[in-house]
């Protein structure tokens, strides 16, 4: 395939591009800074794009069979008004502009795989939720609703759309896991805010695996949760991470600590959680390589 990837220089995008290139696919990347991106991955054909200001160039899509859209301002930061606008518009307007170019093409790609997030479900306690669940409340849920609404502008264009609601991706290079490694390696890790909230995780290999699976399989469409089939509580995750690193994980992290670091609004989100099941992925035949947490962490470390 020839695949266009937005967010190709991020930690998920980089892993996806590597997997595509290893299997012999041609990869096109959209980025704000082609020069820097080219120096990190010269095997990708890079094109410049300012996602919130303009549509991506049509010539970047020449011969493209599929698009994977991973672009978005990082969510794990203090939610100032300016940060919230960047978080929202990088997803809402960026996706709108991407779909606008796709819709205008005479030869369109066959499939658009647009990343989303399980934040749409909000804080659900210990209730099990799948793709049929209603959306939750709060800024994170609102962002995802707008993000997915922009992706659905591709409906009616003849392009197969898959919306992948990603959970907490486990990869030492970034995402959810990376900022926790230093305190855990120092023996200062432990459960957050009591640790009873559920954490829906996924190994980076399965995150990439689901994206590739969605690209290749014509029967996959609509919303798909990208989470391992065995979510765990924050307390269980902390214990498993400590064991994987050979360190104790008994130092509790009070909820007010994340408020001090990230602010009260995002701190409240971090104290919550979702117990998400990947029902549609399982029903449609995706086979998880790392369904159990202990094995997934052992593989990473």
C-alpha atoms as a PDB file:
ATOM      1  CA  UNK A   1       0.000   0.000   0.000  1.00  0.00           C
ATOM      2  CA  UNK A   2       0.853   3.654  -0.228  1.00  0.00           C
ATOM      3  CA  UNK A   3      -0.217   5.173   3.088  1.00  0.00           C
ATOM      4  CA  UNK A   4      -0.386   8.803   4.154  1.00  0.00           C
ATOM      5  CA  UNK A   5       0.121   9.363   7.899  1.00  0.00           C
ATOM      6  CA  UNK A   6      -0.524  12.564   9.832  1.00  0.00           C
ATOM      7  CA  UNK A   7       1.251  12.828  13.164  1.00  0.00           C
ATOM      8  CA  UNK A   8       3.912  10.576  11.664  1.00  0.00           C
ATOM      9  CA  UNK A   9       6.683  12.012  13.843  1.00  0.00           C
ATOM     10  CA  UNK A  10       4.865  11.279  17.128  1.00  0.00           C
ATOM     11  CA  UNK A  11       5.582   8.135  19.129  1.00  0.00           C
ATOM     12  CA  UNK A  12       2.566   6.232  17.751  1.00  0.00           C
ATOM     13  CA  UNK A  13       3.087   7.638  14.265  1.00  0.00           C
ATOM     14  CA  UNK A  14       6.780   6.724  14.283  1.00  0.00           C
ATOM     15  CA  UNK A  15       6.012   3.158  15.322  1.00  0.00           C
ATOM     16  CA  UNK A  16       3.327   2.896  12.630  1.00  0.00           C
ATOM     17  CA  UNK A  17       5.633   4.274   9.928  1.00  0.00           C
ATOM     18  CA  UNK A  18       8.355   1.811  10.933  1.00  0.00           C
ATOM     19  CA  UNK A  19       5.889  -1.078  10.689  1.00  0.00           C
ATOM     20  CA  UNK A  20       4.641   0.080   7.287  1.00  0.00           C
ATOM     21  CA  UNK A  21       8.158   0.498   5.916  1.00  0.00           C
ATOM     22  CA  UNK A  22       9.317  -2.871   7.252  1.00  0.00           C
ATOM     23  CA  UNK A  23       6.578  -4.647   5.337  1.00  0.00           C
ATOM     24  CA  UNK A  24       7.408  -2.773   2.131  1.00  0.00           C
ATOM     25  CA  UNK A  25       4.715  -0.081   2.027  1.00  0.00           C
ATOM     26  CA  UNK A  26       5.335   3.467   0.799  1.00  0.00           C
ATOM     27  CA  UNK A  27       4.742   6.125   3.463  1.00  0.00           C
ATOM     28  CA  UNK A  28       3.838   9.794   3.014  1.00  0.00           C
ATOM     29  CA  UNK A  29       3.933  12.049   6.068  1.00  0.00           C
ATOM     30  CA  UNK A  30       2.320  15.423   6.743  1.00  0.00           C
ATOM     31  CA  UNK A  31       4.156  17.689   9.161  1.00  0.00           C
ATOM     32  CA  UNK A  32       4.631  21.333  10.111  1.00  0.00           C
ATOM     33  CA  UNK A  33       8.407  20.966   9.758  1.00  0.00           C
ATOM     34  CA  UNK A  34       9.456  18.699   6.844  1.00  0.00           C
ATOM     35  CA  UNK A  35      13.157  19.467   7.348  1.00  0.00           C
ATOM     36  CA  UNK A  36      13.240  18.215  10.929  1.00  0.00           C
ATOM     37  CA  UNK A  37      10.994  15.261  10.151  1.00  0.00           C
ATOM     38  CA  UNK A  38      13.149  14.258   7.175  1.00  0.00           C
ATOM     39  CA  UNK A  39      16.211  14.116   9.412  1.00  0.00           C
ATOM     40  CA  UNK A  40      14.493  11.678  11.803  1.00  0.00           C
ATOM     41  CA  UNK A  41      12.950   9.418   9.144  1.00  0.00           C
ATOM     42  CA  UNK A  42      14.313   9.940   5.629  1.00  0.00           C
ATOM     43  CA  UNK A  43      12.360   6.935   4.330  1.00  0.00           C
ATOM     44  CA  UNK A  44       9.087   8.906   4.592  1.00  0.00           C
ATOM     45  CA  UNK A  45       8.084  11.347   1.839  1.00  0.00           C
ATOM     46  CA  UNK A  46       7.314  14.477   3.881  1.00  0.00           C
ATOM     47  CA  UNK A  47       4.931  17.311   2.924  1.00  0.00           C
ATOM     48  CA  UNK A  48       4.328  20.555   4.811  1.00  0.00           C
ATOM     49  CA  UNK A  49       0.923  21.171   6.417  1.00  0.00           C
ATOM     50  CA  UNK A  50      -0.432  23.616   8.992  1.00  0.00           C
ATOM     51  CA  UNK A  51      -3.478  21.599  10.100  1.00  0.00           C
ATOM     52  CA  UNK A  52      -5.518  24.362  11.751  1.00  0.00           C
ATOM     53  CA  UNK A  53      -4.859  26.941   9.036  1.00  0.00           C
ATOM     54  CA  UNK A  54      -5.209  25.149   5.723  1.00  0.00           C
ATOM     55  CA  UNK A  55      -6.105  21.978   3.920  1.00  0.00           C
ATOM     56  CA  UNK A  56      -3.214  19.585   3.244  1.00  0.00           C
ATOM     57  CA  UNK A  57      -1.829  19.739  -0.313  1.00  0.00           C
ATOM     58  CA  UNK A  58      -3.644  17.531  -2.786  1.00  0.00           C
ATOM     59  CA  UNK A  59      -0.397  16.378  -4.408  1.00  0.00           C
ATOM     60  CA  UNK A  60       0.561  14.594  -1.157  1.00  0.00           C
ATOM     61  CA  UNK A  61      -2.335  12.176  -1.811  1.00  0.00           C
ATOM     62  CA  UNK A  62      -1.226  11.116  -5.287  1.00  0.00           C
ATOM     63  CA  UNK A  63      -1.502   7.322  -5.501  1.00  0.00           C
ATOM     64  CA  UNK A  64      -2.388   7.034  -1.787  1.00  0.00           C
ATOM     65  CA  UNK A  65      -4.448   3.946  -0.901  1.00  0.00           C
ATOM     66  CA  UNK A  66      -5.108   4.714   2.756  1.00  0.00           C
ATOM     67  CA  UNK A  67      -4.809   7.546   5.288  1.00  0.00           C
ATOM     68  CA  UNK A  68      -4.075   7.232   9.013  1.00  0.00           C
ATOM     69  CA  UNK A  69      -4.813  10.433  10.915  1.00  0.00           C
ATOM     70  CA  UNK A  70      -2.971  10.629  14.249  1.00  0.00           C
ATOM     71  CA  UNK A  71      -2.402  14.355  14.588  1.00  0.00           C
ATOM     72  CA  UNK A  72      -3.381  16.246  17.750  1.00  0.00           C
ATOM     73  CA  UNK A  73      -1.982  18.558  20.427  1.00  0.00           C
ATOM     74  CA  UNK A  74      -0.882  16.568  23.471  1.00  0.00           C
ATOM     75  CA  UNK A  75      -3.606  16.195  26.089  1.00  0.00           C
ATOM     76  CA  UNK A  76      -1.305  15.670  29.120  1.00  0.00           C
ATOM     77  CA  UNK A  77      -0.604  19.296  29.959  1.00  0.00           C
ATOM     78  CA  UNK A  78      -2.084  21.998  32.171  1.00  0.00           C
ATOM     79  CA  UNK A  79      -5.436  22.963  30.604  1.00  0.00           C
ATOM     80  CA  UNK A  80      -5.111  26.720  30.293  1.00  0.00           C
ATOM     81  CA  UNK A  81      -7.580  28.442  27.984  1.00  0.00           C
ATOM     82  CA  UNK A  82      -4.920  28.631  25.278  1.00  0.00           C
ATOM     83  CA  UNK A  83      -3.981  24.957  25.706  1.00  0.00           C
ATOM     84  CA  UNK A  84      -7.633  23.888  25.524  1.00  0.00           C
ATOM     85  CA  UNK A  85      -8.061  25.795  22.275  1.00  0.00           C
ATOM     86  CA  UNK A  86      -4.978  24.090  20.799  1.00  0.00           C
ATOM     87  CA  UNK A  87      -6.168  20.675  21.991  1.00  0.00           C
ATOM     88  CA  UNK A  88      -9.618  21.186  20.491  1.00  0.00           C
ATOM     89  CA  UNK A  89      -8.733  22.866  17.197  1.00  0.00           C
ATOM     90  CA  UNK A  90      -5.796  20.613  16.355  1.00  0.00           C
ATOM     91  CA  UNK A  91      -8.364  17.809  16.318  1.00  0.00           C
ATOM     92  CA  UNK A  92     -11.594  19.472  15.180  1.00  0.00           C
ATOM     93  CA  UNK A  93     -10.225  21.888  12.566  1.00  0.00           C
ATOM     94  CA  UNK A  94      -7.255  19.722  11.617  1.00  0.00           C
ATOM     95  CA  UNK A  95      -9.506  16.743  10.880  1.00  0.00           C
ATOM     96  CA  UNK A  96     -12.024  18.965   9.053  1.00  0.00           C
ATOM     97  CA  UNK A  97      -9.262  20.310   6.806  1.00  0.00           C
ATOM     98  CA  UNK A  98      -7.869  16.831   6.139  1.00  0.00           C
ATOM     99  CA  UNK A  99     -11.274  15.455   5.160  1.00  0.00           C
ATOM    100  CA  UNK A 100     -11.841  18.524   2.990  1.00  0.00           C
ATOM    101  CA  UNK A 101      -8.870  17.638   0.824  1.00  0.00           C
ATOM    102  CA  UNK A 102      -9.836  13.957   0.691  1.00  0.00           C
ATOM    103  CA  UNK A 103     -13.370  14.866  -0.421  1.00  0.00           C
ATOM    104  CA  UNK A 104     -12.004  17.088  -3.190  1.00  0.00           C
ATOM    105  CA  UNK A 105      -9.775  14.429  -4.749  1.00  0.00           C
ATOM    106  CA  UNK A 106     -10.710  12.887  -8.060  1.00  0.00           C
ATOM    107  CA  UNK A 107      -8.981   9.661  -6.976  1.00  0.00           C
ATOM    108  CA  UNK A 108      -9.683   9.223  -3.298  1.00  0.00           C
ATOM    109  CA  UNK A 109      -7.966   6.829  -0.891  1.00  0.00           C
ATOM    110  CA  UNK A 110     -10.000   3.745  -0.097  1.00  0.00           C
ATOM    111  CA  UNK A 111      -9.885   4.169   3.664  1.00  0.00           C
ATOM    112  CA  UNK A 112      -9.419   6.802   6.365  1.00  0.00           C
ATOM    113  CA  UNK A 113      -8.387   5.528   9.799  1.00  0.00           C
ATOM    114  CA  UNK A 114      -8.909   8.458  12.155  1.00  0.00           C
ATOM    115  CA  UNK A 115      -7.599   8.253  15.694  1.00  0.00           C
ATOM    116  CA  UNK A 116      -9.909   9.140  18.563  1.00  0.00           C
ATOM    117  CA  UNK A 117      -9.761   8.456  22.306  1.00  0.00           C
ATOM    118  CA  UNK A 118     -11.578   6.646  25.086  1.00  0.00           C
ATOM    119  CA  UNK A 119     -11.866  10.000  26.827  1.00  0.00           C
ATOM    120  CA  UNK A 120     -15.235  10.255  25.091  1.00  0.00           C
ATOM    121  CA  UNK A 121     -16.689   7.910  27.737  1.00  0.00           C
ATOM    122  CA  UNK A 122     -15.802  10.197  30.654  1.00  0.00           C
ATOM    123  CA  UNK A 123     -15.274   8.860  34.176  1.00  0.00           C
ATOM    124  CA  UNK A 124     -17.331   5.643  34.363  1.00  0.00           C
ATOM    125  CA  UNK A 125     -16.189   4.106  37.655  1.00  0.00           C
ATOM    126  CA  UNK A 126     -16.118   0.307  37.453  1.00  0.00           C
ATOM    127  CA  UNK A 127     -18.877   0.074  34.801  1.00  0.00           C
ATOM    128  CA  UNK A 128     -17.839  -1.898  31.721  1.00  0.00           C
ATOM    129  CA  UNK A 129     -18.241   0.185  28.545  1.00  0.00           C
ATOM    130  CA  UNK A 130     -17.846  -0.658  24.868  1.00  0.00           C
ATOM    131  CA  UNK A 131     -18.404   1.168  21.584  1.00  0.00           C
ATOM    132  CA  UNK A 132     -22.183   1.274  22.127  1.00  0.00           C
ATOM    133  CA  UNK A 133     -21.888   3.364  25.331  1.00  0.00           C
ATOM    134  CA  UNK A 134     -23.027   6.974  25.423  1.00  0.00           C
ATOM    135  CA  UNK A 135     -20.475   9.729  25.713  1.00  0.00           C
ATOM    136  CA  UNK A 136     -19.550  11.256  29.049  1.00  0.00           C
ATOM    137  CA  UNK A 137     -19.195  14.791  30.368  1.00  0.00           C
ATOM    138  CA  UNK A 138     -16.273  17.186  30.562  1.00  0.00           C
ATOM    139  CA  UNK A 139     -13.820  18.842  28.220  1.00  0.00           C
ATOM    140  CA  UNK A 140     -12.058  15.614  27.244  1.00  0.00           C
ATOM    141  CA  UNK A 141     -15.337  14.017  26.156  1.00  0.00           C
ATOM    142  CA  UNK A 142     -16.351  17.181  24.300  1.00  0.00           C
ATOM    143  CA  UNK A 143     -13.037  17.231  22.404  1.00  0.00           C
ATOM    144  CA  UNK A 144     -13.490  13.656  21.255  1.00  0.00           C
ATOM    145  CA  UNK A 145     -17.083  14.267  20.155  1.00  0.00           C
ATOM    146  CA  UNK A 146     -15.959  17.198  17.993  1.00  0.00           C
ATOM    147  CA  UNK A 147     -12.965  15.210  16.708  1.00  0.00           C
ATOM    148  CA  UNK A 148     -15.174  12.329  15.614  1.00  0.00           C
ATOM    149  CA  UNK A 149     -17.784  14.691  14.161  1.00  0.00           C
ATOM    150  CA  UNK A 150     -15.107  16.129  11.854  1.00  0.00           C
ATOM    151  CA  UNK A 151     -13.985  12.629  10.854  1.00  0.00           C
ATOM    152  CA  UNK A 152     -17.571  11.723   9.949  1.00  0.00           C
ATOM    153  CA  UNK A 153     -17.536  14.480   7.351  1.00  0.00           C
ATOM    154  CA  UNK A 154     -15.959  11.725   5.238  1.00  0.00           C
ATOM    155  CA  UNK A 155     -19.300   9.875   5.268  1.00  0.00           C
ATOM    156  CA  UNK A 156     -20.817   9.897   1.800  1.00  0.00           C
ATOM    157  CA  UNK A 157     -17.479  10.398   0.015  1.00  0.00           C
ATOM    158  CA  UNK A 158     -17.047   6.706  -0.773  1.00  0.00           C
ATOM    159  CA  UNK A 159     -14.090   6.455   1.630  1.00  0.00           C
ATOM    160  CA  UNK A 160     -14.335   3.730   4.283  1.00  0.00           C
ATOM    161  CA  UNK A 161     -14.015   5.369   7.705  1.00  0.00           C
ATOM    162  CA  UNK A 162     -12.666   3.708  10.852  1.00  0.00           C
ATOM    163  CA  UNK A 163     -12.577   5.742  14.077  1.00  0.00           C
ATOM    164  CA  UNK A 164     -10.083   4.200  16.510  1.00  0.00           C
ATOM    165  CA  UNK A 165     -10.701   5.164  20.145  1.00  0.00           C
ATOM    166  CA  UNK A 166      -7.277   4.655  21.663  1.00  0.00           C
ATOM    167  CA  UNK A 167      -6.643   3.950  25.340  1.00  0.00           C
ATOM    168  CA  UNK A 168      -3.464   4.469  27.358  1.00  0.00           C
ATOM    169  CA  UNK A 169      -0.667   3.313  25.061  1.00  0.00           C
ATOM    170  CA  UNK A 170       2.215   1.512  26.765  1.00  0.00           C
ATOM    171  CA  UNK A 171       5.543   2.479  25.216  1.00  0.00           C
ATOM    172  CA  UNK A 172       8.612   3.656  27.181  1.00  0.00           C
ATOM    173  CA  UNK A 173       9.267   6.292  24.512  1.00  0.00           C
ATOM    174  CA  UNK A 174       6.164   8.371  25.170  1.00  0.00           C
ATOM    175  CA  UNK A 175       2.483   8.619  25.971  1.00  0.00           C
ATOM    176  CA  UNK A 176       1.082   7.415  29.275  1.00  0.00           C
ATOM    177  CA  UNK A 177       4.035   5.304  30.410  1.00  0.00           C
ATOM    178  CA  UNK A 178       7.070   7.489  29.805  1.00  0.00           C
ATOM    179  CA  UNK A 179       6.549  10.128  32.556  1.00  0.00           C
ATOM    180  CA  UNK A 180       5.999   7.411  35.159  1.00  0.00           C
ATOM    181  CA  UNK A 181       9.271   5.594  34.597  1.00  0.00           C
ATOM    182  CA  UNK A 182      11.590   7.865  36.587  1.00  0.00           C
ATOM    183  CA  UNK A 183       9.629   7.804  39.881  1.00  0.00           C
ATOM    184  CA  UNK A 184       8.961   4.069  39.558  1.00  0.00           C
ATOM    185  CA  UNK A 185      12.633   3.311  38.836  1.00  0.00           C
ATOM    186  CA  UNK A 186      13.524   5.323  41.940  1.00  0.00           C
ATOM    187  CA  UNK A 187      11.098   3.258  44.025  1.00  0.00           C
ATOM    188  CA  UNK A 188       8.772   6.241  44.427  1.00  0.00           C
ATOM    189  CA  UNK A 189       5.892   4.970  42.321  1.00  0.00           C
ATOM    190  CA  UNK A 190       2.515   3.877  43.542  1.00  0.00           C
ATOM    191  CA  UNK A 191      -1.242   4.089  43.039  1.00  0.00           C
ATOM    192  CA  UNK A 192      -2.819   7.439  42.215  1.00  0.00           C
ATOM    193  CA  UNK A 193      -5.617   8.877  44.334  1.00  0.00           C
ATOM    194  CA  UNK A 194      -6.443   5.561  46.014  1.00  0.00           C
ATOM    195  CA  UNK A 195      -5.885   3.483  42.884  1.00  0.00           C
ATOM    196  CA  UNK A 196      -9.411   2.114  42.473  1.00  0.00           C
ATOM    197  CA  UNK A 197     -10.086   3.814  39.130  1.00  0.00           C
ATOM    198  CA  UNK A 198      -9.827   1.614  36.039  1.00  0.00           C
ATOM    199  CA  UNK A 199      -7.087   2.037  33.477  1.00  0.00           C
ATOM    200  CA  UNK A 200      -7.705   0.830  29.925  1.00  0.00           C
ATOM    201  CA  UNK A 201      -4.272   0.200  28.438  1.00  0.00           C
ATOM    202  CA  UNK A 202      -2.843  -1.126  25.176  1.00  0.00           C
ATOM    203  CA  UNK A 203       0.662  -2.231  24.182  1.00  0.00           C
ATOM    204  CA  UNK A 204       2.177  -0.116  21.394  1.00  0.00           C
ATOM    205  CA  UNK A 205       2.432  -3.230  19.217  1.00  0.00           C
ATOM    206  CA  UNK A 206      -1.325  -3.797  19.454  1.00  0.00           C
ATOM    207  CA  UNK A 207      -2.049  -0.097  18.900  1.00  0.00           C
ATOM    208  CA  UNK A 208      -0.083  -0.275  15.654  1.00  0.00           C
ATOM    209  CA  UNK A 209      -1.585  -3.688  14.945  1.00  0.00           C
ATOM    210  CA  UNK A 210      -5.136  -2.350  15.156  1.00  0.00           C
ATOM    211  CA  UNK A 211      -4.288   0.600  12.898  1.00  0.00           C
ATOM    212  CA  UNK A 212      -2.818  -1.749  10.276  1.00  0.00           C
ATOM    213  CA  UNK A 213      -5.740  -4.168  10.647  1.00  0.00           C
ATOM    214  CA  UNK A 214      -8.199  -1.308  10.145  1.00  0.00           C
ATOM    215  CA  UNK A 215      -6.332  -0.185   7.028  1.00  0.00           C
ATOM    216  CA  UNK A 216      -6.345  -3.619   5.422  1.00  0.00           C
ATOM    217  CA  UNK A 217      -9.743  -5.114   6.217  1.00  0.00           C
ATOM    218  CA  UNK A 218     -12.719  -3.888   4.217  1.00  0.00           C
ATOM    219  CA  UNK A 219     -15.202  -5.216   6.783  1.00  0.00           C
ATOM    220  CA  UNK A 220     -13.828  -2.930   9.517  1.00  0.00           C
ATOM    221  CA  UNK A 221     -15.650   0.394   9.727  1.00  0.00           C
ATOM    222  CA  UNK A 222     -17.138   2.766  12.253  1.00  0.00           C
ATOM    223  CA  UNK A 223     -15.920   3.023  15.855  1.00  0.00           C
ATOM    224  CA  UNK A 224     -13.361   0.556  17.242  1.00  0.00           C
ATOM    225  CA  UNK A 225     -11.904   0.683  20.758  1.00  0.00           C
ATOM    226  CA  UNK A 226      -8.130   0.197  20.790  1.00  0.00           C
ATOM    227  CA  UNK A 227      -7.676  -1.138  24.321  1.00  0.00           C
ATOM    228  CA  UNK A 228      -6.490  -4.490  25.616  1.00  0.00           C
ATOM    229  CA  UNK A 229      -9.336  -6.840  26.630  1.00  0.00           C
ATOM    230  CA  UNK A 230      -8.186  -6.889  30.267  1.00  0.00           C
ATOM    231  CA  UNK A 231      -8.311  -3.402  31.823  1.00  0.00           C
ATOM    232  CA  UNK A 232      -6.988  -3.119  35.373  1.00  0.00           C
ATOM    233  CA  UNK A 233      -7.271  -0.726  38.286  1.00  0.00           C
ATOM    234  CA  UNK A 234      -4.617   1.916  38.763  1.00  0.00           C
ATOM    235  CA  UNK A 235      -3.485   0.055  41.876  1.00  0.00           C
ATOM    236  CA  UNK A 236      -3.014  -3.187  39.926  1.00  0.00           C
ATOM    237  CA  UNK A 237      -1.196  -1.340  37.156  1.00  0.00           C
ATOM    238  CA  UNK A 238       1.182   0.310  39.627  1.00  0.00           C
ATOM    239  CA  UNK A 239       1.990  -3.036  41.223  1.00  0.00           C
ATOM    240  CA  UNK A 240       2.606  -4.661  37.817  1.00  0.00           C
ATOM    241  CA  UNK A 241       4.837  -1.807  36.646  1.00  0.00           C
ATOM    242  CA  UNK A 242       6.869  -1.951  39.851  1.00  0.00           C
ATOM    243  CA  UNK A 243       7.369  -5.689  39.412  1.00  0.00           C
ATOM    244  CA  UNK A 244       8.388  -5.253  35.757  1.00  0.00           C
ATOM    245  CA  UNK A 245      11.010  -2.696  36.808  1.00  0.00           C
ATOM    246  CA  UNK A 246      12.127  -4.651  39.884  1.00  0.00           C
ATOM    247  CA  UNK A 247      11.137  -1.816  42.221  1.00  0.00           C
ATOM    248  CA  UNK A 248       8.581  -1.425  45.018  1.00  0.00           C
ATOM    249  CA  UNK A 249       5.424   0.469  44.064  1.00  0.00           C
ATOM    250  CA  UNK A 250       3.886   1.287  47.420  1.00  0.00           C
ATOM    251  CA  UNK A 251       4.203   5.091  47.617  1.00  0.00           C
ATOM    252  CA  UNK A 252       0.660   6.457  47.146  1.00  0.00           C
ATOM    253  CA  UNK A 253       0.260   9.579  45.028  1.00  0.00           C
ATOM    254  CA  UNK A 254      -2.416  11.890  46.488  1.00  0.00           C
ATOM    255  CA  UNK A 255      -4.911  13.345  44.069  1.00  0.00           C
ATOM    256  CA  UNK A 256      -3.885  16.906  44.919  1.00  0.00           C
ATOM    257  CA  UNK A 257      -0.407  16.166  43.538  1.00  0.00           C
ATOM    258  CA  UNK A 258      -1.692  15.875  39.977  1.00  0.00           C
ATOM    259  CA  UNK A 259      -3.767  19.017  40.551  1.00  0.00           C
ATOM    260  CA  UNK A 260      -0.560  20.870  41.390  1.00  0.00           C
ATOM    261  CA  UNK A 261       1.177  19.557  38.279  1.00  0.00           C
ATOM    262  CA  UNK A 262      -1.627  19.680  35.719  1.00  0.00           C
ATOM    263  CA  UNK A 263      -4.275  21.933  37.260  1.00  0.00           C
ATOM    264  CA  UNK A 264      -7.572  20.929  38.820  1.00  0.00           C
ATOM    265  CA  UNK A 265      -9.527  20.289  35.596  1.00  0.00           C
ATOM    266  CA  UNK A 266      -7.105  17.820  34.029  1.00  0.00           C
ATOM    267  CA  UNK A 267      -6.186  16.521  37.471  1.00  0.00           C
ATOM    268  CA  UNK A 268      -9.805  15.462  37.941  1.00  0.00           C
ATOM    269  CA  UNK A 269      -9.665  13.557  34.645  1.00  0.00           C
ATOM    270  CA  UNK A 270      -6.502  11.740  35.777  1.00  0.00           C
ATOM    271  CA  UNK A 271      -8.213  10.715  39.019  1.00  0.00           C
ATOM    272  CA  UNK A 272     -11.049   9.160  37.026  1.00  0.00           C
ATOM    273  CA  UNK A 273     -10.995   6.228  34.660  1.00  0.00           C
ATOM    274  CA  UNK A 274     -12.794   3.949  32.249  1.00  0.00           C
ATOM    275  CA  UNK A 275     -13.161   0.175  32.100  1.00  0.00           C
ATOM    276  CA  UNK A 276     -13.266  -0.152  28.319  1.00  0.00           C
ATOM    277  CA  UNK A 277     -13.670  -3.346  26.307  1.00  0.00           C
ATOM    278  CA  UNK A 278     -12.611  -3.672  22.640  1.00  0.00           C
ATOM    279  CA  UNK A 279     -15.814  -5.472  21.696  1.00  0.00           C
ATOM    280  CA  UNK A 280     -15.849  -4.634  17.982  1.00  0.00           C
ATOM    281  CA  UNK A 281     -12.163  -5.470  17.479  1.00  0.00           C
ATOM    282  CA  UNK A 282     -12.721  -8.875  19.076  1.00  0.00           C
ATOM    283  CA  UNK A 283     -15.977  -9.483  17.189  1.00  0.00           C
ATOM    284  CA  UNK A 284     -14.328  -8.592  13.874  1.00  0.00           C
ATOM    285  CA  UNK A 285     -11.401 -10.922  14.476  1.00  0.00           C
ATOM    286  CA  UNK A 286      -8.473  -8.848  15.711  1.00  0.00           C
ATOM    287  CA  UNK A 287      -6.112 -11.068  17.736  1.00  0.00           C
ATOM    288  CA  UNK A 288      -4.287  -9.214  20.501  1.00  0.00           C
ATOM    289  CA  UNK A 289      -0.575  -9.953  20.780  1.00  0.00           C
ATOM    290  CA  UNK A 290      -0.445  -8.641  24.366  1.00  0.00           C
ATOM    291  CA  UNK A 291      -3.827  -9.130  26.081  1.00  0.00           C
ATOM    292  CA  UNK A 292      -2.434  -9.451  29.635  1.00  0.00           C
ATOM    293  CA  UNK A 293      -0.711  -6.609  31.491  1.00  0.00           C
ATOM    294  CA  UNK A 294       2.118  -8.544  33.161  1.00  0.00           C
ATOM    295  CA  UNK A 295       3.248 -10.034  29.852  1.00  0.00           C
ATOM    296  CA  UNK A 296       2.881  -6.693  28.052  1.00  0.00           C
ATOM    297  CA  UNK A 297       5.115  -4.921  30.561  1.00  0.00           C
ATOM    298  CA  UNK A 298       7.631  -7.769  30.539  1.00  0.00           C
ATOM    299  CA  UNK A 299       7.826  -7.428  26.767  1.00  0.00           C
ATOM    300  CA  UNK A 300       8.505  -3.687  27.024  1.00  0.00           C
ATOM    301  CA  UNK A 301      11.162  -4.009  29.738  1.00  0.00           C
END
